[in-house]
Amino acid sequence: MFVGLGMYFTLYSFANVFSWIHFFSINQSPDYGFHRENSPSYYSLTENGMTLAAGIALIFTARRWAEKLCGVADRQTAPE
């Protein structure tokens, strides 16, 4: 379940992040950036970058999350 969710987050945001990386590599002129009034909004980059990072982190930590979830479930159902 956690790997699937991580894959969804990663694949959902990868194209947008790749598009922003391409945008920055093409438009490296000094006339473009934060100092200009018509600079692009970096909200989309931040949103998709964080989603991509969360998805990748979830893929690599899925086993740990599953073990923690099972450990909590076992303690709740075990008789005391």
C-alpha atoms as a PDB file:
ATOM      1  CA  MET A   1       0.000   0.000   0.000  1.00  0.00           C
ATOM      2  CA  PHE A   2       2.733   2.463   0.954  1.00  0.00           C
ATOM      3  CA  VAL A   3       4.794   1.686  -2.139  1.00  0.00           C
ATOM      4  CA  GLY A   4       1.732   2.259  -4.322  1.00  0.00           C
ATOM      5  CA  LEU A   5       1.007   5.584  -2.658  1.00  0.00           C
ATOM      6  CA  GLY A   6       4.648   6.612  -3.025  1.00  0.00           C
ATOM      7  CA  MET A   7       4.620   5.640  -6.698  1.00  0.00           C
ATOM      8  CA  TYR A   8       1.447   7.653  -7.232  1.00  0.00           C
ATOM      9  CA  PHE A   9       2.953  10.772  -5.622  1.00  0.00           C
ATOM     10  CA  THR A  10       6.211  10.349  -7.532  1.00  0.00           C
ATOM     11  CA  LEU A  11       4.662   9.757 -10.941  1.00  0.00           C
ATOM     12  CA  TYR A  12       2.040  12.458 -10.441  1.00  0.00           C
ATOM     13  CA  SER A  13       4.603  15.198  -9.778  1.00  0.00           C
ATOM     14  CA  PHE A  14       7.614  14.027 -11.818  1.00  0.00           C
ATOM     15  CA  ALA A  15       6.483  15.564 -15.109  1.00  0.00           C
ATOM     16  CA  ASN A  16       5.908  18.983 -13.564  1.00  0.00           C
ATOM     17  CA  VAL A  17       9.260  18.983 -11.769  1.00  0.00           C
ATOM     18  CA  PHE A  18      11.011  17.849 -14.943  1.00  0.00           C
ATOM     19  CA  SER A  19       9.281  20.661 -16.840  1.00  0.00           C
ATOM     20  CA  TRP A  20      10.543  23.213 -14.287  1.00  0.00           C
ATOM     21  CA  ILE A  21      14.099  21.827 -14.497  1.00  0.00           C
ATOM     22  CA  HIS A  22      13.930  22.173 -18.274  1.00  0.00           C
ATOM     23  CA  PHE A  23      12.575  25.717 -17.916  1.00  0.00           C
ATOM     24  CA  PHE A  24      15.461  26.726 -15.647  1.00  0.00           C
ATOM     25  CA  SER A  25      18.077  25.137 -17.872  1.00  0.00           C
ATOM     26  CA  ILE A  26      16.779  26.978 -20.952  1.00  0.00           C
ATOM     27  CA  ASN A  27      16.148  30.367 -19.328  1.00  0.00           C
ATOM     28  CA  GLN A  28      19.371  31.069 -17.447  1.00  0.00           C
ATOM     29  CA  SER A  29      19.605  34.661 -18.602  1.00  0.00           C
ATOM     30  CA  PRO A  30      20.254  37.464 -16.090  1.00  0.00           C
ATOM     31  CA  ASP A  31      17.103  39.214 -17.331  1.00  0.00           C
ATOM     32  CA  TYR A  32      14.927  36.557 -15.733  1.00  0.00           C
ATOM     33  CA  GLY A  33      14.588  35.810 -12.028  1.00  0.00           C
ATOM     34  CA  PHE A  34      13.300  36.998  -8.679  1.00  0.00           C
ATOM     35  CA  HIS A  35      14.274  40.628  -9.305  1.00  0.00           C
ATOM     36  CA  ARG A  36      11.851  41.022 -12.202  1.00  0.00           C
ATOM     37  CA  GLU A  37       8.202  41.930 -11.780  1.00  0.00           C
ATOM     38  CA  ASN A  38       7.021  39.366 -14.307  1.00  0.00           C
ATOM     39  CA  SER A  39       8.983  36.440 -12.879  1.00  0.00           C
ATOM     40  CA  PRO A  40       7.228  33.061 -12.821  1.00  0.00           C
ATOM     41  CA  SER A  41       5.391  31.790  -9.781  1.00  0.00           C
ATOM     42  CA  TYR A  42       7.467  29.243  -7.908  1.00  0.00           C
ATOM     43  CA  TYR A  43       4.477  27.924  -5.963  1.00  0.00           C
ATOM     44  CA  SER A  44       3.876  25.157  -8.503  1.00  0.00           C
ATOM     45  CA  LEU A  45       7.525  24.110  -8.382  1.00  0.00           C
ATOM     46  CA  THR A  46       7.502  24.015  -4.583  1.00  0.00           C
ATOM     47  CA  GLU A  47       4.237  22.086  -4.411  1.00  0.00           C
ATOM     48  CA  ASN A  48       5.296  19.469  -6.941  1.00  0.00           C
ATOM     49  CA  GLY A  49       8.838  19.260  -5.595  1.00  0.00           C
ATOM     50  CA  MET A  50       7.569  18.509  -2.102  1.00  0.00           C
ATOM     51  CA  THR A  51       5.123  15.919  -3.462  1.00  0.00           C
ATOM     52  CA  LEU A  52       7.939  14.288  -5.434  1.00  0.00           C
ATOM     53  CA  ALA A  53      10.219  14.218  -2.384  1.00  0.00           C
ATOM     54  CA  ALA A  54       7.451  12.774  -0.200  1.00  0.00           C
ATOM     55  CA  GLY A  55       6.702  10.101  -2.791  1.00  0.00           C
ATOM     56  CA  ILE A  56      10.343   9.065  -3.101  1.00  0.00           C
ATOM     57  CA  ALA A  57      10.735   9.024   0.687  1.00  0.00           C
ATOM     58  CA  LEU A  58       7.588   6.917   1.027  1.00  0.00           C
ATOM     59  CA  ILE A  59       8.838   4.399  -1.539  1.00  0.00           C
ATOM     60  CA  PHE A  60      12.096   3.899   0.346  1.00  0.00           C
ATOM     61  CA  THR A  61      10.524   3.844   3.822  1.00  0.00           C
ATOM     62  CA  ALA A  62       7.410   1.799   2.994  1.00  0.00           C
ATOM     63  CA  ARG A  63       8.622  -1.302   4.821  1.00  0.00           C
ATOM     64  CA  ARG A  64       9.338   0.634   7.999  1.00  0.00           C
ATOM     65  CA  TRP A  65       5.874   2.248   7.926  1.00  0.00           C
ATOM     66  CA  ALA A  66       4.219  -1.119   7.342  1.00  0.00           C
ATOM     67  CA  GLU A  67       6.146  -2.700  10.245  1.00  0.00           C
ATOM     68  CA  LYS A  68       5.158   0.143  12.551  1.00  0.00           C
ATOM     69  CA  LEU A  69       1.535  -0.131  11.500  1.00  0.00           C
ATOM     70  CA  CYS A  70       1.515  -3.903  12.068  1.00  0.00           C
ATOM     71  CA  GLY A  71       3.260  -3.500  15.407  1.00  0.00           C
ATOM     72  CA  VAL A  72       0.607  -1.077  16.585  1.00  0.00           C
ATOM     73  CA  ALA A  73      -2.172  -3.350  15.337  1.00  0.00           C
ATOM     74  CA  ASP A  74      -0.644  -6.409  17.098  1.00  0.00           C
ATOM     75  CA  ARG A  75      -0.390  -4.571  20.431  1.00  0.00           C
ATOM     76  CA  GLN A  76      -3.991  -3.411  20.192  1.00  0.00           C
ATOM     77  CA  THR A  77      -5.425  -6.905  19.573  1.00  0.00           C
ATOM     78  CA  ALA A  78      -3.183  -8.825  22.003  1.00  0.00           C
ATOM     79  CA  PRO A  79      -4.805  -9.729  25.338  1.00  0.00           C
ATOM     80  CA  GLU A  80      -3.219  -8.126  28.386  1.00  0.00           C
END
